[in-house]
């Protein structure tokens, strides 16, 4: 997956997780709250992975540019 895809999927999971948590709180459904929190954390992790991929790609590009003498 590309870094952008990771970030988009992460944001979607975070949003869905927050909605689940809100519905769970409103209805007193602790299971739904827990599922929402887990999905939110999954989204945060996906976004972090996307950020790491960006950093690795940027570092690799800088190294390649340095080797080429740019």
PDB file of N, CA and C in Angstrom:
ATOM      1  N   UNK A   1       0.837  -1.177   0.000  1.00  0.00           N
ATOM      2  CA  UNK A   1       0.000   0.000   0.000  1.00  0.00           C
ATOM      3  C   UNK A   1       0.882   1.239   0.000  1.00  0.00           C
ATOM      4  N   UNK A   2       0.416   2.263  -0.684  1.00  0.00           N
ATOM      5  CA  UNK A   2       1.173   3.506  -0.690  1.00  0.00           C
ATOM      6  C   UNK A   2       0.941   4.270   0.609  1.00  0.00           C
ATOM      7  N   UNK A   3       1.791   5.234   0.837  1.00  0.00           N
ATOM      8  CA  UNK A   3       1.653   6.020   2.066  1.00  0.00           C
ATOM      9  C   UNK A   3       0.330   6.787   2.077  1.00  0.00           C
ATOM     10  N   UNK A   4      -0.074   7.266   0.913  1.00  0.00           N
ATOM     11  CA  UNK A   4      -1.334   8.002   0.830  1.00  0.00           C
ATOM     12  C   UNK A   4      -2.516   7.090   1.138  1.00  0.00           C
ATOM     13  N   UNK A   5      -2.482   5.880   0.603  1.00  0.00           N
ATOM     14  CA  UNK A   5      -3.546   4.912   0.864  1.00  0.00           C
ATOM     15  C   UNK A   5      -3.617   4.584   2.346  1.00  0.00           C
ATOM     16  N   UNK A   6      -2.465   4.379   2.963  1.00  0.00           N
ATOM     17  CA  UNK A   6      -2.435   4.104   4.401  1.00  0.00           C
ATOM     18  C   UNK A   6      -3.066   5.254   5.180  1.00  0.00           C
ATOM     19  N   UNK A   7      -2.725   6.465   4.813  1.00  0.00           N
ATOM     20  CA  UNK A   7      -3.246   7.631   5.526  1.00  0.00           C
ATOM     21  C   UNK A   7      -4.758   7.766   5.348  1.00  0.00           C
ATOM     22  N   UNK A   8      -5.250   7.540   4.130  1.00  0.00           N
ATOM     23  CA  UNK A   8      -6.688   7.658   3.869  1.00  0.00           C
ATOM     24  C   UNK A   8      -7.455   6.572   4.622  1.00  0.00           C
ATOM     25  N   UNK A   9      -6.976   5.333   4.540  1.00  0.00           N
ATOM     26  CA  UNK A   9      -7.647   4.247   5.251  1.00  0.00           C
ATOM     27  C   UNK A   9      -7.592   4.478   6.768  1.00  0.00           C
ATOM     28  N   UNK A  10      -6.485   5.025   7.222  1.00  0.00           N
ATOM     29  CA  UNK A  10      -6.354   5.322   8.639  1.00  0.00           C
ATOM     30  C   UNK A  10      -7.373   6.351   9.096  1.00  0.00           C
ATOM     31  N   UNK A  11      -7.526   7.405   8.322  1.00  0.00           N
ATOM     32  CA  UNK A  11      -8.511   8.433   8.669  1.00  0.00           C
ATOM     33  C   UNK A  11      -9.925   7.858   8.668  1.00  0.00           C
ATOM     34  N   UNK A  12     -10.211   6.999   7.686  1.00  0.00           N
ATOM     35  CA  UNK A  12     -11.543   6.389   7.613  1.00  0.00           C
ATOM     36  C   UNK A  12     -11.800   5.500   8.827  1.00  0.00           C
ATOM     37  N   UNK A  13     -10.805   4.714   9.221  1.00  0.00           N
ATOM     38  CA  UNK A  13     -10.967   3.855  10.395  1.00  0.00           C
ATOM     39  C   UNK A  13     -11.118   4.675  11.668  1.00  0.00           C
ATOM     40  N   UNK A  14     -10.364   5.742  11.770  1.00  0.00           N
ATOM     41  CA  UNK A  14     -10.502   6.602  12.951  1.00  0.00           C
ATOM     42  C   UNK A  14     -11.909   7.189  13.034  1.00  0.00           C
ATOM     43  N   UNK A  15     -12.410   7.674  11.900  1.00  0.00           N
ATOM     44  CA  UNK A  15     -13.742   8.275  11.886  1.00  0.00           C
ATOM     45  C   UNK A  15     -14.807   7.239  12.232  1.00  0.00           C
ATOM     46  N   UNK A  16     -14.726   6.073  11.607  1.00  0.00           N
ATOM     47  CA  UNK A  16     -15.709   5.024  11.877  1.00  0.00           C
ATOM     48  C   UNK A  16     -15.635   4.586  13.342  1.00  0.00           C
ATOM     49  N   UNK A  17     -14.427   4.495  13.861  1.00  0.00           N
ATOM     50  CA  UNK A  17     -14.257   4.116  15.259  1.00  0.00           C
ATOM     51  C   UNK A  17     -14.874   5.128  16.206  1.00  0.00           C
ATOM     52  N   UNK A  18     -14.694   6.394  15.892  1.00  0.00           N
ATOM     53  CA  UNK A  18     -15.288   7.445  16.726  1.00  0.00           C
ATOM     54  C   UNK A  18     -16.808   7.392  16.690  1.00  0.00           C
ATOM     55  N   UNK A  19     -17.365   7.122  15.509  1.00  0.00           N
ATOM     56  CA  UNK A  19     -18.820   7.009  15.388  1.00  0.00           C
ATOM     57  C   UNK A  19     -19.318   5.832  16.225  1.00  0.00           C
ATOM     58  N   UNK A  20     -18.645   4.690  16.102  1.00  0.00           N
ATOM     59  CA  UNK A  20     -19.040   3.514  16.878  1.00  0.00           C
ATOM     60  C   UNK A  20     -18.989   3.806  18.376  1.00  0.00           C
ATOM     61  N   UNK A  21     -17.932   4.479  18.795  1.00  0.00           N
ATOM     62  CA  UNK A  21     -17.816   4.811  20.219  1.00  0.00           C
ATOM     63  C   UNK A  21     -18.969   5.701  20.667  1.00  0.00           C
ATOM     64  N   UNK A  22     -19.296   6.686  19.845  1.00  0.00           N
ATOM     65  CA  UNK A  22     -20.386   7.598  20.191  1.00  0.00           C
ATOM     66  C   UNK A  22     -21.726   6.882  20.280  1.00  0.00           C
ATOM     67  N   UNK A  23     -21.991   6.007  19.318  1.00  0.00           N
ATOM     68  CA  UNK A  23     -23.238   5.245  19.343  1.00  0.00           C
ATOM     69  C   UNK A  23     -23.256   4.310  20.547  1.00  0.00           C
ATOM     70  N   UNK A  24     -22.101   3.692  20.815  1.00  0.00           N
ATOM     71  CA  UNK A  24     -22.009   2.799  21.967  1.00  0.00           C
ATOM     72  C   UNK A  24     -22.279   3.518  23.271  1.00  0.00           C
ATOM     73  N   UNK A  25     -21.734   4.726  23.403  1.00  0.00           N
ATOM     74  CA  UNK A  25     -21.980   5.517  24.623  1.00  0.00           C
ATOM     75  C   UNK A  25     -23.438   5.910  24.734  1.00  0.00           C
ATOM     76  N   UNK A  26     -24.016   6.329  23.610  1.00  0.00           N
ATOM     77  CA  UNK A  26     -25.406   6.790  23.619  1.00  0.00           C
ATOM     78  C   UNK A  26     -26.383   5.669  23.951  1.00  0.00           C
ATOM     79  N   UNK A  27     -26.024   4.455  23.537  1.00  0.00           N
ATOM     80  CA  UNK A  27     -26.937   3.323  23.763  1.00  0.00           C
ATOM     81  C   UNK A  27     -26.541   2.468  24.956  1.00  0.00           C
ATOM     82  N   UNK A  28     -25.412   2.800  25.579  1.00  0.00           N
ATOM     83  CA  UNK A  28     -24.936   2.010  26.707  1.00  0.00           C
ATOM     84  C   UNK A  28     -24.349   0.668  26.299  1.00  0.00           C
ATOM     85  N   UNK A  29     -23.928   0.569  25.035  1.00  0.00           N
ATOM     86  CA  UNK A  29     -23.381  -0.676  24.501  1.00  0.00           C
ATOM     87  C   UNK A  29     -21.858  -0.659  24.646  1.00  0.00           C
ATOM     88  N   UNK A  30     -21.357  -1.296  25.689  1.00  0.00           N
ATOM     89  CA  UNK A  30     -19.917  -1.283  25.960  1.00  0.00           C
ATOM     90  C   UNK A  30     -19.132  -2.037  24.894  1.00  0.00           C
ATOM     91  N   UNK A  31     -19.730  -3.085  24.335  1.00  0.00           N
ATOM     92  CA  UNK A  31     -19.047  -3.843  23.279  1.00  0.00           C
ATOM     93  C   UNK A  31     -18.807  -2.954  22.061  1.00  0.00           C
ATOM     94  N   UNK A  32     -19.800  -2.188  21.668  1.00  0.00           N
ATOM     95  CA  UNK A  32     -19.660  -1.287  20.527  1.00  0.00           C
ATOM     96  C   UNK A  32     -18.633  -0.194  20.824  1.00  0.00           C
ATOM     97  N   UNK A  33     -18.614   0.284  22.050  1.00  0.00           N
ATOM     98  CA  UNK A  33     -17.604   1.274  22.443  1.00  0.00           C
ATOM     99  C   UNK A  33     -16.200   0.692  22.286  1.00  0.00           C
ATOM    100  N   UNK A  34     -16.024  -0.539  22.745  1.00  0.00           N
ATOM    101  CA  UNK A  34     -14.708  -1.184  22.660  1.00  0.00           C
ATOM    102  C   UNK A  34     -14.310  -1.421  21.212  1.00  0.00           C
ATOM    103  N   UNK A  35     -15.259  -1.859  20.394  1.00  0.00           N
ATOM    104  CA  UNK A  35     -14.973  -2.063  18.970  1.00  0.00           C
ATOM    105  C   UNK A  35     -14.570  -0.742  18.312  1.00  0.00           C
ATOM    106  N   UNK A  36     -15.267   0.325  18.691  1.00  0.00           N
ATOM    107  CA  UNK A  36     -14.956   1.637  18.143  1.00  0.00           C
ATOM    108  C   UNK A  36     -13.569   2.105  18.532  1.00  0.00           C
ATOM    109  N   UNK A  37     -13.202   1.876  19.783  1.00  0.00           N
ATOM    110  CA  UNK A  37     -11.865   2.273  20.243  1.00  0.00           C
ATOM    111  C   UNK A  37     -10.798   1.479  19.506  1.00  0.00           C
ATOM    112  N   UNK A  38     -11.038   0.175  19.324  1.00  0.00           N
ATOM    113  CA  UNK A  38     -10.076  -0.672  18.604  1.00  0.00           C
ATOM    114  C   UNK A  38      -9.925  -0.197  17.158  1.00  0.00           C
ATOM    115  N   UNK A  39     -11.029   0.150  16.526  1.00  0.00           N
ATOM    116  CA  UNK A  39     -10.966   0.616  15.143  1.00  0.00           C
ATOM    117  C   UNK A  39     -10.265   1.967  15.063  1.00  0.00           C
ATOM    118  N   UNK A  40     -10.518   2.819  16.032  1.00  0.00           N
ATOM    119  CA  UNK A  40      -9.836   4.120  16.065  1.00  0.00           C
ATOM    120  C   UNK A  40      -8.321   3.925  16.191  1.00  0.00           C
ATOM    121  N   UNK A  41      -7.901   3.039  17.070  1.00  0.00           N
ATOM    122  CA  UNK A  41      -6.468   2.778  17.242  1.00  0.00           C
ATOM    123  C   UNK A  41      -5.854   2.178  15.978  1.00  0.00           C
ATOM    124  N   UNK A  42      -6.612   1.310  15.314  1.00  0.00           N
ATOM    125  CA  UNK A  42      -6.142   0.747  14.043  1.00  0.00           C
ATOM    126  C   UNK A  42      -5.907   1.875  13.044  1.00  0.00           C
ATOM    127  N   UNK A  43      -6.823   2.818  12.989  1.00  0.00           N
ATOM    128  CA  UNK A  43      -6.686   3.950  12.081  1.00  0.00           C
ATOM    129  C   UNK A  43      -5.474   4.805  12.403  1.00  0.00           C
ATOM    130  N   UNK A  44      -5.254   5.042  13.686  1.00  0.00           N
ATOM    131  CA  UNK A  44      -4.079   5.829  14.089  1.00  0.00           C
ATOM    132  C   UNK A  44      -2.796   5.123  13.666  1.00  0.00           C
ATOM    133  N   UNK A  45      -2.783   3.814  13.810  1.00  0.00           N
ATOM    134  CA  UNK A  45      -1.610   3.035  13.416  1.00  0.00           C
ATOM    135  C   UNK A  45      -1.400   3.104  11.904  1.00  0.00           C
ATOM    136  N   UNK A  46      -2.483   2.979  11.143  1.00  0.00           N
ATOM    137  CA  UNK A  46      -2.373   3.062   9.684  1.00  0.00           C
ATOM    138  C   UNK A  46      -1.824   4.414   9.256  1.00  0.00           C
ATOM    139  N   UNK A  47      -2.315   5.473   9.878  1.00  0.00           N
ATOM    140  CA  UNK A  47      -1.811   6.807   9.521  1.00  0.00           C
ATOM    141  C   UNK A  47      -0.336   6.933   9.864  1.00  0.00           C
ATOM    142  N   UNK A  48       0.071   6.373  10.997  1.00  0.00           N
ATOM    143  CA  UNK A  48       1.483   6.427  11.386  1.00  0.00           C
ATOM    144  C   UNK A  48       2.348   5.669  10.383  1.00  0.00           C
ATOM    145  N   UNK A  49       1.866   4.523   9.937  1.00  0.00           N
ATOM    146  CA  UNK A  49       2.607   3.741   8.935  1.00  0.00           C
ATOM    147  C   UNK A  49       2.771   4.565   7.661  1.00  0.00           C
ATOM    148  N   UNK A  50       1.724   5.249   7.254  1.00  0.00           N
ATOM    149  CA  UNK A  50       1.814   6.112   6.074  1.00  0.00           C
ATOM    150  C   UNK A  50       2.854   7.202   6.255  1.00  0.00           C
ATOM    151  N   UNK A  51       2.924   7.782   7.427  1.00  0.00           N
ATOM    152  CA  UNK A  51       3.926   8.806   7.706  1.00  0.00           C
ATOM    153  C   UNK A  51       5.341   8.259   7.680  1.00  0.00           C
ATOM    154  N   UNK A  52       5.517   7.060   8.211  1.00  0.00           N
ATOM    155  CA  UNK A  52       6.840   6.421   8.193  1.00  0.00           C
ATOM    156  C   UNK A  52       7.256   6.135   6.758  1.00  0.00           C
ATOM    157  N   UNK A  53       6.320   5.642   5.949  1.00  0.00           N
ATOM    158  CA  UNK A  53       6.633   5.369   4.545  1.00  0.00           C
ATOM    159  C   UNK A  53       7.065   6.643   3.834  1.00  0.00           C
ATOM    160  N   UNK A  54       6.379   7.750   4.113  1.00  0.00           N
ATOM    161  CA  UNK A  54       6.777   9.030   3.526  1.00  0.00           C
ATOM    162  C   UNK A  54       8.200   9.382   3.929  1.00  0.00           C
ATOM    163  N   UNK A  55       8.507   9.219   5.206  1.00  0.00           N
ATOM    164  CA  UNK A  55       9.847   9.543   5.696  1.00  0.00           C
ATOM    165  C   UNK A  55      10.919   8.684   5.049  1.00  0.00           C
ATOM    166  N   UNK A  56      10.643   7.397   4.913  1.00  0.00           N
ATOM    167  CA  UNK A  56      11.608   6.485   4.276  1.00  0.00           C
ATOM    168  C   UNK A  56      11.801   6.868   2.812  1.00  0.00           C
ATOM    169  N   UNK A  57      10.704   7.141   2.124  1.00  0.00           N
ATOM    170  CA  UNK A  57      10.806   7.528   0.711  1.00  0.00           C
ATOM    171  C   UNK A  57      11.584   8.823   0.540  1.00  0.00           C
ATOM    172  N   UNK A  58      11.337   9.795   1.417  1.00  0.00           N
ATOM    173  CA  UNK A  58      12.057  11.066   1.336  1.00  0.00           C
ATOM    174  C   UNK A  58      13.546  10.879   1.603  1.00  0.00           C
ATOM    175  N   UNK A  59      13.879  10.059   2.596  1.00  0.00           N
ATOM    176  CA  UNK A  59      15.286   9.807   2.913  1.00  0.00           C
ATOM    177  C   UNK A  59      15.976   9.087   1.769  1.00  0.00           C
ATOM    178  N   UNK A  60      15.288   8.118   1.169  1.00  0.00           N
ATOM    179  CA  UNK A  60      15.868   7.386   0.038  1.00  0.00           C
ATOM    180  C   UNK A  60      16.095   8.312  -1.144  1.00  0.00           C
ATOM    181  N   UNK A  61      15.150   9.217  -1.372  1.00  0.00           N
ATOM    182  CA  UNK A  61      15.315  10.150  -2.477  1.00  0.00           C
ATOM    183  C   UNK A  61      16.477  11.106  -2.234  1.00  0.00           C
ATOM    184  N   UNK A  62      16.617  11.570  -1.013  1.00  0.00           N
ATOM    185  CA  UNK A  62      17.731  12.455  -0.673  1.00  0.00           C
ATOM    186  C   UNK A  62      19.065  11.731  -0.843  1.00  0.00           C
ATOM    187  N   UNK A  63      19.119  10.483  -0.442  1.00  0.00           N
ATOM    188  CA  UNK A  63      20.350   9.703  -0.586  1.00  0.00           C
ATOM    189  C   UNK A  63      20.678   9.498  -2.066  1.00  0.00           C
ATOM    190  N   UNK A  64      19.656   9.199  -2.863  1.00  0.00           N
ATOM    191  CA  UNK A  64      19.887   9.019  -4.297  1.00  0.00           C
ATOM    192  C   UNK A  64      20.360  10.311  -4.943  1.00  0.00           C
ATOM    193  N   UNK A  65      19.760  11.423  -4.543  1.00  0.00           N
ATOM    194  CA  UNK A  65      20.171  12.715  -5.079  1.00  0.00           C
ATOM    195  C   UNK A  65      21.613  13.030  -4.694  1.00  0.00           C
ATOM    196  N   UNK A  66      21.999  12.689  -3.463  1.00  0.00           N
ATOM    197  CA  UNK A  66      23.361  12.952  -3.017  1.00  0.00           C
ATOM    198  C   UNK A  66      24.363  12.124  -3.809  1.00  0.00           C
ATOM    199  N   UNK A  67      24.003  10.895  -4.097  1.00  0.00           N
ATOM    200  CA  UNK A  67      24.890  10.021  -4.881  1.00  0.00           C
ATOM    201  C   UNK A  67      25.028  10.553  -6.301  1.00  0.00           C
ATOM    202  N   UNK A  68      23.964  11.094  -6.829  1.00  0.00           N
ATOM    203  CA  UNK A  68      23.986  11.641  -8.195  1.00  0.00           C
ATOM    204  C   UNK A  68      24.644  13.018  -8.243  1.00  0.00           C
ATOM    205  N   UNK A  69      24.936  13.582  -7.074  1.00  0.00           N
ATOM    206  CA  UNK A  69      25.603  14.878  -7.008  1.00  0.00           C
ATOM    207  C   UNK A  69      24.694  16.061  -7.225  1.00  0.00           C
ATOM    208  N   UNK A  70      23.444  15.926  -6.891  1.00  0.00           N
ATOM    209  CA  UNK A  70      22.495  17.046  -7.063  1.00  0.00           C
ATOM    210  C   UNK A  70      22.583  17.996  -5.915  1.00  0.00           C
TER     211      UNK A  70
END
